[in-house]
Protein backbone atom coordinates (compact mmCIF):
# COMPACT_ATOMS: atom_id res chain seq x y z
CA MET A 1 173.40 179.30 -31.44
CA SER A 2 171.89 177.34 -34.28
CA ARG A 3 175.04 177.22 -36.40
CA PHE A 4 176.85 175.06 -33.84
CA PHE A 5 175.88 171.41 -33.40
CA PRO A 6 177.49 169.04 -30.87
CA ALA A 7 178.32 165.50 -32.01
CA LYS A 8 175.58 162.92 -31.42
CA THR A 9 176.10 160.04 -29.00
CA ARG A 10 176.07 156.67 -30.77
CA ARG A 11 174.69 153.60 -28.91
CA SER A 12 176.41 150.23 -29.23
CA PRO A 13 174.31 147.04 -29.72
CA PHE A 14 174.18 144.57 -26.80
CA ARG A 15 174.15 140.75 -27.16
CA PRO A 16 171.72 138.63 -25.13
CA LEU A 17 174.51 136.35 -23.82
CA ALA A 18 175.77 139.12 -21.57
CA THR A 19 172.48 140.25 -20.07
CA LEU A 20 173.79 141.58 -16.77
CA ILE A 21 176.72 143.32 -18.38
CA ALA A 22 174.42 144.76 -21.00
CA ILE A 23 172.01 146.12 -18.41
CA GLY A 24 174.84 147.75 -16.47
CA ALA A 25 176.33 149.21 -19.64
CA ALA A 26 172.96 150.48 -20.80
CA ILE A 27 172.39 152.22 -17.47
CA ALA A 28 175.79 153.87 -17.69
CA LEU A 29 175.19 154.85 -21.31
CA ASN A 30 171.81 156.36 -20.50
CA ALA A 31 173.35 158.30 -17.64
CA CYS A 32 175.94 159.73 -20.03
CA ALA A 33 173.29 160.53 -22.62
CA SER A 34 171.25 162.46 -20.07
CA SER A 35 174.27 164.42 -18.87
CA PRO A 36 174.65 167.92 -20.35
CA VAL A 37 178.40 167.40 -20.79
CA ALA A 38 179.82 164.75 -23.12
CA LEU A 39 182.62 162.63 -21.69
CA ARG A 40 185.73 163.86 -23.49
CA GLY A 41 189.07 165.53 -22.92
CA THR A 42 189.95 169.13 -23.65
CA ALA A 43 193.49 168.87 -25.04
CA ASP A 44 192.34 169.40 -28.65
CA LEU A 45 190.05 172.33 -27.87
CA ALA A 46 190.64 176.05 -28.26
CA THR A 47 188.70 179.20 -27.49
CA VAL A 48 188.24 181.96 -30.05
CA ILE A 49 187.05 185.45 -29.16
CA ALA A 50 184.28 186.98 -31.28
CA ARG A 51 184.97 190.55 -30.27
CA ALA A 52 182.03 192.31 -31.94
CA SER A 53 179.34 190.10 -30.38
CA GLY A 54 180.90 189.57 -26.94
CA GLU A 55 181.10 185.80 -27.44
CA VAL A 56 183.65 183.00 -27.21
CA ALA A 57 183.50 180.08 -29.65
CA ILE A 58 184.82 176.62 -28.78
CA LEU A 59 187.00 175.14 -31.52
CA ASP A 60 187.46 171.37 -31.86
CA THR A 61 190.77 171.08 -33.69
CA SER A 62 190.41 167.32 -34.24
CA ASN A 63 187.16 167.66 -36.17
CA LYS A 64 188.00 171.16 -37.38
CA GLN A 65 184.69 172.68 -36.37
CA PHE A 66 183.11 174.87 -33.73
CA THR A 67 181.22 172.87 -31.13
CA GLY A 68 179.53 175.70 -29.25
CA ILE A 69 179.50 179.36 -28.40
CA ILE A 70 179.21 181.24 -25.12
CA GLY A 71 177.67 184.72 -25.07
CA GLY A 72 177.05 187.43 -22.53
CA LEU A 73 180.74 188.13 -21.92
CA GLY A 74 180.66 191.92 -22.22
CA ASP A 75 183.15 194.08 -24.11
CA LEU A 76 185.70 191.79 -25.73
CA SER A 77 187.37 194.47 -27.89
CA HIS A 78 190.74 193.75 -26.26
CA ALA A 79 190.06 190.44 -24.52
CA SER A 80 192.31 187.58 -23.51
CA ILE A 81 191.87 184.13 -21.96
CA VAL A 82 193.78 181.90 -19.55
CA TYR A 83 192.95 178.33 -18.52
CA ALA A 84 192.47 176.53 -15.24
CA ARG A 85 195.00 173.79 -14.67
CA ASP A 86 192.50 171.07 -15.70
CA GLY A 87 192.02 172.70 -19.11
CA ARG A 88 188.23 172.54 -18.80
CA PHE A 89 187.57 175.99 -17.37
CA ALA A 90 188.77 179.23 -18.91
CA PHE A 91 188.85 182.79 -17.59
CA VAL A 92 187.90 185.57 -19.97
CA PHE A 93 189.24 189.09 -19.31
CA GLY A 94 187.04 191.76 -20.91
CA ARG A 95 187.97 195.34 -21.64
CA ASP A 96 184.99 196.50 -19.55
CA GLY A 97 186.47 195.02 -16.37
CA GLY A 98 184.52 191.80 -16.65
CA LEU A 99 186.08 188.57 -15.40
CA THR A 100 184.17 185.48 -16.51
CA LYS A 101 184.77 181.80 -15.78
CA ILE A 102 183.45 179.56 -18.56
CA ASP A 103 183.12 175.80 -19.01
CA ILE A 104 184.42 174.89 -22.48
CA LEU A 105 182.69 171.48 -22.39
CA SER A 106 179.19 172.51 -21.32
CA HIS A 107 179.50 175.90 -23.08
CA GLU A 108 178.22 177.75 -20.04
CA ILE A 109 179.18 180.67 -17.82
CA VAL A 110 180.16 179.32 -14.40
CA ALA A 111 180.74 182.67 -12.66
CA ARG A 112 181.15 186.29 -13.64
CA THR A 113 182.08 189.54 -11.90
CA LEU A 114 182.44 193.10 -13.17
CA GLN A 115 185.51 193.82 -11.06
CA ALA A 116 186.73 197.13 -12.54
CA GLY A 117 185.94 199.79 -15.11
CA ASN A 118 188.70 199.09 -17.64
CA SER A 119 190.94 196.02 -17.74
CA ILE A 120 193.77 194.78 -19.92
CA GLY A 121 194.24 191.06 -19.35
CA GLY A 122 195.24 188.75 -16.54
CA ALA A 123 197.05 185.63 -15.40
CA ILE A 124 196.51 182.49 -13.35
CA SER A 125 198.82 181.41 -10.53
CA GLN A 126 201.18 178.46 -10.73
CA ASP A 127 199.02 176.38 -8.37
CA GLY A 128 195.87 177.29 -10.26
CA LYS A 129 194.07 178.69 -7.22
CA LEU A 130 194.30 182.40 -8.01
CA VAL A 131 193.41 184.47 -11.05
CA ALA A 132 194.69 188.05 -11.28
CA VAL A 133 193.41 190.93 -13.41
CA ALA A 134 195.39 193.97 -14.62
CA ASN A 135 193.30 197.12 -14.40
CA TYR A 136 193.51 200.52 -16.05
CA GLU A 137 190.59 201.98 -14.09
CA PRO A 138 190.99 201.95 -11.19
CA GLY A 139 194.67 201.18 -11.56
CA GLY A 140 195.97 198.10 -9.81
CA VAL A 141 195.70 194.33 -9.70
CA ARG A 142 192.81 192.40 -8.22
CA VAL A 143 193.18 188.72 -7.39
CA PHE A 144 190.33 186.22 -7.18
CA ASP A 145 189.69 182.65 -6.08
CA THR A 146 189.49 180.51 -9.24
CA GLU A 147 186.69 178.33 -7.85
CA THR A 148 184.28 181.08 -6.80
CA LEU A 149 185.68 184.34 -8.22
CA GLU A 150 185.56 185.80 -4.72
CA LEU A 151 188.02 188.65 -4.17
CA VAL A 152 191.20 187.47 -2.42
CA ALA A 153 193.49 190.50 -2.69
CA ASP A 154 193.41 194.07 -4.00
CA ILE A 155 196.75 195.64 -4.92
CA PRO A 156 196.28 199.37 -5.70
CA THR A 157 199.08 200.96 -7.72
CA THR A 158 199.01 204.32 -5.98
CA ILE A 159 201.22 207.13 -7.25
CA ASP A 160 203.36 208.83 -4.56
CA GLY A 161 200.91 207.80 -1.85
CA GLY A 162 198.13 209.95 -3.33
CA PRO A 163 194.66 209.09 -4.64
CA ASP A 164 195.78 208.57 -8.24
CA ARG A 165 196.72 205.12 -9.47
CA SER A 166 198.90 203.91 -12.31
CA LYS A 167 197.57 201.77 -15.14
CA VAL A 168 198.84 198.20 -14.99
CA ILE A 169 200.16 196.37 -18.05
CA GLY A 170 202.10 193.21 -18.78
CA LEU A 171 200.65 191.07 -15.98
CA VAL A 172 202.07 187.52 -16.06
CA ASP A 173 202.31 184.53 -13.77
CA ALA A 174 205.74 183.47 -12.57
CA PRO A 175 207.05 180.37 -10.77
CA GLY A 176 206.62 180.40 -7.00
CA ASN A 177 203.01 181.58 -7.09
CA ARG A 178 204.02 185.08 -8.09
CA PHE A 179 202.50 187.67 -10.38
CA VAL A 180 204.73 190.20 -12.15
CA PHE A 181 203.44 193.38 -13.77
CA SER A 182 204.47 196.86 -14.92
CA LEU A 183 203.14 200.33 -14.14
CA TRP A 184 202.60 202.59 -17.15
CA ASP A 185 202.45 205.92 -15.32
CA THR A 186 205.35 205.48 -12.91
CA GLY A 187 207.78 203.28 -14.85
CA GLU A 188 207.97 200.42 -12.35
CA ILE A 189 207.90 196.62 -12.17
CA TRP A 190 206.13 195.01 -9.22
CA ILE A 191 206.20 191.41 -8.02
CA ALA A 192 203.27 190.17 -5.91
CA ASP A 193 204.34 186.99 -4.12
CA PHE A 194 201.49 184.72 -2.94
CA SER A 195 203.69 181.79 -1.93
CA ALA A 196 202.93 182.29 1.79
CA GLY A 197 199.16 182.66 1.41
CA ASN A 198 196.52 185.07 0.17
CA THR A 199 198.20 188.19 1.59
CA PRO A 200 200.96 188.96 -0.89
CA SER A 201 204.35 190.44 -0.27
CA VAL A 202 205.00 193.11 -2.91
CA THR A 203 208.44 194.04 -4.23
CA ARG A 204 208.80 197.23 -6.28
CA TYR A 205 211.47 198.09 -8.84
CA GLN A 206 211.41 201.77 -9.79
CA ASN A 207 212.88 203.78 -12.67
CA ILE A 208 212.81 200.94 -15.19
CA GLY A 209 212.06 203.35 -18.07
CA ILE A 210 209.36 205.64 -19.40
CA GLN A 211 205.88 204.21 -20.01
CA PRO A 212 206.23 200.44 -20.16
CA TYR A 213 203.45 199.42 -22.56
CA ASP A 214 203.58 195.60 -22.61
CA ALA A 215 205.65 192.77 -21.22
CA LEU A 216 206.37 189.06 -21.44
CA ILE A 217 207.91 186.28 -19.42
CA THR A 218 210.18 183.77 -21.14
CA PRO A 219 208.83 180.19 -21.43
CA ASP A 220 211.13 178.97 -18.64
CA GLY A 221 209.80 181.63 -16.28
CA ARG A 222 213.20 183.24 -15.75
CA TYR A 223 213.15 186.60 -17.53
CA TYR A 224 210.47 189.29 -17.41
CA ILE A 225 210.88 191.86 -20.18
CA ALA A 226 208.96 195.13 -20.43
CA GLY A 227 208.81 197.18 -23.61
CA LEU A 228 209.07 200.97 -23.30
CA PHE A 229 206.84 203.35 -25.21
CA GLY A 230 208.35 206.61 -23.94
CA GLU A 231 211.97 205.87 -24.79
CA ASP A 232 214.23 203.45 -26.62
CA GLY A 233 215.16 200.13 -25.13
CA MET A 234 213.55 197.54 -22.87
CA ALA A 235 213.77 196.56 -19.23
CA LEU A 236 214.76 193.00 -18.27
CA LEU A 237 214.33 191.50 -14.81
CA ASP A 238 216.03 188.18 -14.03
CA LEU A 239 213.63 186.40 -11.66
CA TRP A 240 216.39 183.98 -10.65
CA HIS A 241 218.58 186.84 -9.45
CA LEU A 242 216.26 189.55 -8.18
CA GLN A 243 219.08 191.21 -6.27
CA SER A 244 220.49 192.39 -9.61
CA GLY A 245 217.37 194.44 -10.32
CA PRO A 246 216.12 195.46 -13.77
CA GLN A 247 218.65 195.83 -16.58
CA ARG A 248 218.33 197.82 -19.79
CA ILE A 249 218.60 195.89 -23.04
CA LEU A 250 218.50 197.01 -26.70
CA ASP A 251 219.26 200.58 -25.66
CA HIS A 252 220.54 201.41 -29.12
CA TYR A 253 217.30 200.54 -30.87
CA GLY A 254 215.83 203.52 -32.77
CA LYS A 255 218.44 206.11 -31.81
CA GLY A 256 219.31 208.50 -34.59
CA GLU A 257 216.98 206.81 -37.05
CA GLU A 258 213.67 208.00 -38.45
CA ARG A 259 210.95 205.41 -37.95
CA LEU A 260 207.68 205.00 -39.80
CA PRO A 261 204.39 206.00 -38.16
CA VAL A 262 203.36 203.30 -35.68
CA TYR A 263 199.95 201.94 -36.69
CA LYS A 264 199.79 199.37 -33.88
CA MET A 265 202.17 198.62 -31.04
CA PRO A 266 203.44 195.03 -31.33
CA HIS A 267 202.47 192.58 -28.63
CA LEU A 268 205.46 191.40 -26.63
CA GLU A 269 203.65 188.15 -25.87
CA GLY A 270 204.18 187.58 -29.57
CA TRP A 271 207.93 187.27 -29.19
CA ALA A 272 209.06 183.98 -30.67
CA ILE A 273 211.84 182.19 -28.83
CA ALA A 274 213.44 179.45 -30.92
CA GLY A 275 216.58 177.85 -29.53
CA LYS A 276 218.88 180.59 -28.24
CA ARG A 277 217.31 183.32 -30.34
CA ALA A 278 214.32 185.58 -29.83
CA PHE A 279 212.49 186.98 -32.85
CA VAL A 280 211.04 190.36 -31.97
CA PRO A 281 208.61 192.62 -33.87
CA ALA A 282 210.28 195.98 -34.46
CA VAL A 283 208.28 199.07 -33.52
CA GLY A 284 207.48 201.29 -36.50
CA ARG A 285 209.64 199.29 -38.90
CA HIS A 286 209.19 196.64 -41.55
CA GLU A 287 211.60 194.39 -39.67
CA VAL A 288 211.85 191.50 -37.27
CA LEU A 289 214.77 191.76 -34.86
CA VAL A 290 216.86 188.73 -33.92
CA ILE A 291 218.09 188.69 -30.32
CA ASP A 292 220.64 186.40 -28.67
CA THR A 293 218.89 185.23 -25.47
CA GLU A 294 222.18 184.57 -23.67
CA THR A 295 223.53 188.11 -24.08
CA TRP A 296 220.25 189.90 -24.93
CA GLN A 297 222.03 191.67 -27.75
CA GLU A 298 220.68 192.19 -31.25
CA VAL A 299 222.34 189.87 -33.75
CA GLY A 300 220.28 190.49 -36.88
CA ARG A 301 217.33 192.13 -38.63
CA ILE A 302 214.99 190.54 -41.14
CA PRO A 303 213.14 192.74 -43.66
CA VAL A 304 209.44 191.80 -43.77
CA HIS A 305 206.24 192.79 -45.56
CA GLY A 306 204.98 195.42 -43.08
CA GLN A 307 205.02 196.50 -39.45
CA PRO A 308 204.92 193.22 -37.48
CA VAL A 309 202.46 192.70 -34.64
CA PHE A 310 202.88 189.06 -33.60
CA VAL A 311 205.91 186.86 -34.23
CA MET A 312 204.91 183.32 -33.27
CA ALA A 313 207.22 180.29 -33.21
CA HIS A 314 206.16 176.90 -34.50
CA PRO A 315 206.46 174.34 -31.67
CA ASP A 316 209.51 172.75 -33.32
CA GLY A 317 211.28 176.12 -33.50
CA ARG A 318 212.22 175.80 -37.17
CA HIS A 319 209.97 178.59 -38.41
CA VAL A 320 208.33 181.72 -37.05
CA TRP A 321 205.13 183.21 -38.43
CA VAL A 322 204.59 186.96 -38.64
CA ASN A 323 201.42 189.04 -39.08
CA PHE A 324 201.21 192.78 -39.64
CA SER A 325 199.35 195.96 -38.78
CA VAL A 326 197.35 198.04 -41.23
CA PRO A 327 197.61 198.48 -44.16
CA ASP A 328 199.40 195.14 -44.59
CA TYR A 329 197.20 193.02 -42.35
CA ASP A 330 196.08 190.67 -45.11
CA THR A 331 199.46 188.93 -45.16
CA VAL A 332 201.32 186.36 -43.08
CA GLN A 333 204.99 185.58 -43.67
CA ILE A 334 207.01 182.57 -42.53
CA ILE A 335 210.67 182.97 -41.55
CA ASP A 336 213.23 180.14 -41.47
CA THR A 337 214.98 180.48 -38.09
CA GLN A 338 218.21 178.98 -39.43
CA THR A 339 218.69 180.97 -42.62
CA LEU A 340 216.68 184.02 -41.44
CA ALA A 341 215.07 184.12 -44.89
CA ILE A 342 211.38 184.44 -45.79
CA ASP A 343 210.32 180.86 -46.49
CA GLY A 344 206.65 181.36 -47.35
CA GLU A 345 203.75 183.79 -47.51
CA LEU A 346 199.97 183.54 -47.12
CA LYS A 347 197.05 185.84 -47.93
CA PRO A 348 194.30 184.48 -45.64
CA GLY A 349 192.09 187.59 -45.92
CA THR A 350 191.78 191.10 -44.53
CA GLY A 351 192.49 191.73 -40.87
CA VAL A 352 194.65 188.82 -39.68
CA LEU A 353 194.76 189.54 -35.95
CA HIS A 354 196.05 186.41 -34.26
CA MET A 355 197.79 183.10 -34.90
CA GLU A 356 197.91 179.99 -32.71
CA PHE A 357 199.58 176.62 -33.28
CA SER A 358 198.17 173.33 -32.10
CA PRO A 359 200.29 171.85 -29.30
CA ARG A 360 202.27 169.51 -31.57
CA GLY A 361 202.38 171.90 -34.48
CA ASP A 362 200.32 169.98 -37.04
CA GLN A 363 197.90 172.90 -37.41
CA VAL A 364 197.93 176.67 -37.22
CA TRP A 365 194.75 178.73 -36.82
CA LEU A 366 194.35 182.36 -37.88
CA SER A 367 191.62 184.84 -37.02
CA VAL A 368 190.65 187.04 -39.98
CA ARG A 369 188.56 189.79 -38.44
CA ASP A 370 187.36 191.82 -41.42
CA ASP A 371 186.32 188.71 -43.35
CA ASN A 372 184.53 187.24 -40.30
CA LYS A 373 186.27 183.89 -40.40
CA VAL A 374 188.79 181.63 -38.70
CA VAL A 375 191.10 179.73 -41.05
CA GLY A 376 193.16 176.64 -40.28
CA TYR A 377 196.29 175.69 -42.21
CA ASP A 378 198.71 172.81 -42.44
CA PRO A 379 201.91 174.67 -41.47
CA TYR A 380 204.10 172.34 -43.55
CA THR A 381 202.24 172.49 -46.87
CA LEU A 382 200.64 175.92 -46.22
CA LYS A 383 197.37 174.53 -47.53
CA PRO A 384 194.08 175.44 -45.80
CA ILE A 385 192.41 172.69 -43.78
CA ALA A 386 189.29 174.56 -42.62
CA GLU A 387 187.47 177.87 -42.92
CA LEU A 388 184.89 178.62 -40.22
CA PRO A 389 182.57 181.65 -40.02
CA LEU A 390 182.73 183.80 -36.88
CA PRO A 391 181.87 187.50 -36.41
CA SER A 392 184.99 189.65 -35.95
CA PRO A 393 187.27 186.97 -34.49
CA SER A 394 190.40 188.02 -32.62
CA GLY A 395 192.33 186.01 -30.02
CA ILE A 396 192.75 182.24 -30.37
CA PHE A 397 193.82 180.30 -27.27
CA MET A 398 194.67 176.59 -27.30
CA SER A 399 193.84 174.72 -24.10
CA ASP A 400 197.44 173.50 -23.74
CA ARG A 401 198.16 176.99 -22.38
CA ALA A 402 196.86 175.53 -19.09
CA GLY A 403 200.25 173.91 -18.57
CA ARG A 404 202.52 176.71 -19.77
CA ILE A 405 204.17 179.56 -17.87
CA GLY A 406 203.06 183.06 -18.74
CA LEU A 407 200.09 182.00 -20.88
């Protein structure tokens, strides 16, 4: 679109004393100039979802500007993105069942398939060869070749052997070329193991709890944790010791206490793990819970501005940033992970949906949906460094996710 302009290629002058070298360099330079893709890396790039227009914008965090936009991606009202292992290609999961492979350098669609009727995210395998999609309709997981988007495996989540299928949530990649996911309707965790090839072995864990609604995998790939909508507590599966099966954690949470109306369920991917503590958005409360990751017991609660949605850790682990559901979604608070005190507060605008740190933590980018903008901040001074227009932005995904488990 006209509001995005790629950087111009600048030619270097050649001296007559190096005629042959100059000719060779000029040929190479002309070849690069005629190429549709500029020669550059992707480590400083991010993708930002423009949910209302079905587009993805490419953010250059070094120059603090959008370099391009890719349209025709379908319904992105609850979209997410994962990256190929080279960081150049990204896979966009649309709510309408669309799976799209995009090139973040050429700003083009490479391949696209409408693989289901209603989807809720996906994951890419450890070796980068498979991309899996979690489906609501029809329920199950479909797995595709990352080069061609050809179907590799279809894993239907049938209920009691009948025609009905369970919705799938919390799909993540795990070490060993495995995908782990939860079943909303039947209260199960399944592991699809592709380590032996494209025909997976599937392990099922039943009776983990009522209506798991979201899940996460810890950054080291060891623990898979599913949140429960239908009852108190969470289910934890230790992927290093599968013989132990799922365990219940935080069973006491919410019992005997009256909670506020839940305006938006918090995303478990938004758990912040800093050192040996996890900072967890409380459901229906103006609190962030502090969990000991060695015992998985609650060790503290932090009063905050509203009902938290995402709790995101700065890469150095010293602070976590929290955003909130309506009506408090104009505010972001910063918590000191040592003192557990509120250390700062921002008012970026109305509808702060997502936060994402640059890989080394020198920047943090926020999508402000209702004000149609993406805002960058210096996380140390809390001063803005950029404000970029974008229609109804939501998820922001740094390309360094290509090398991280569960993202």
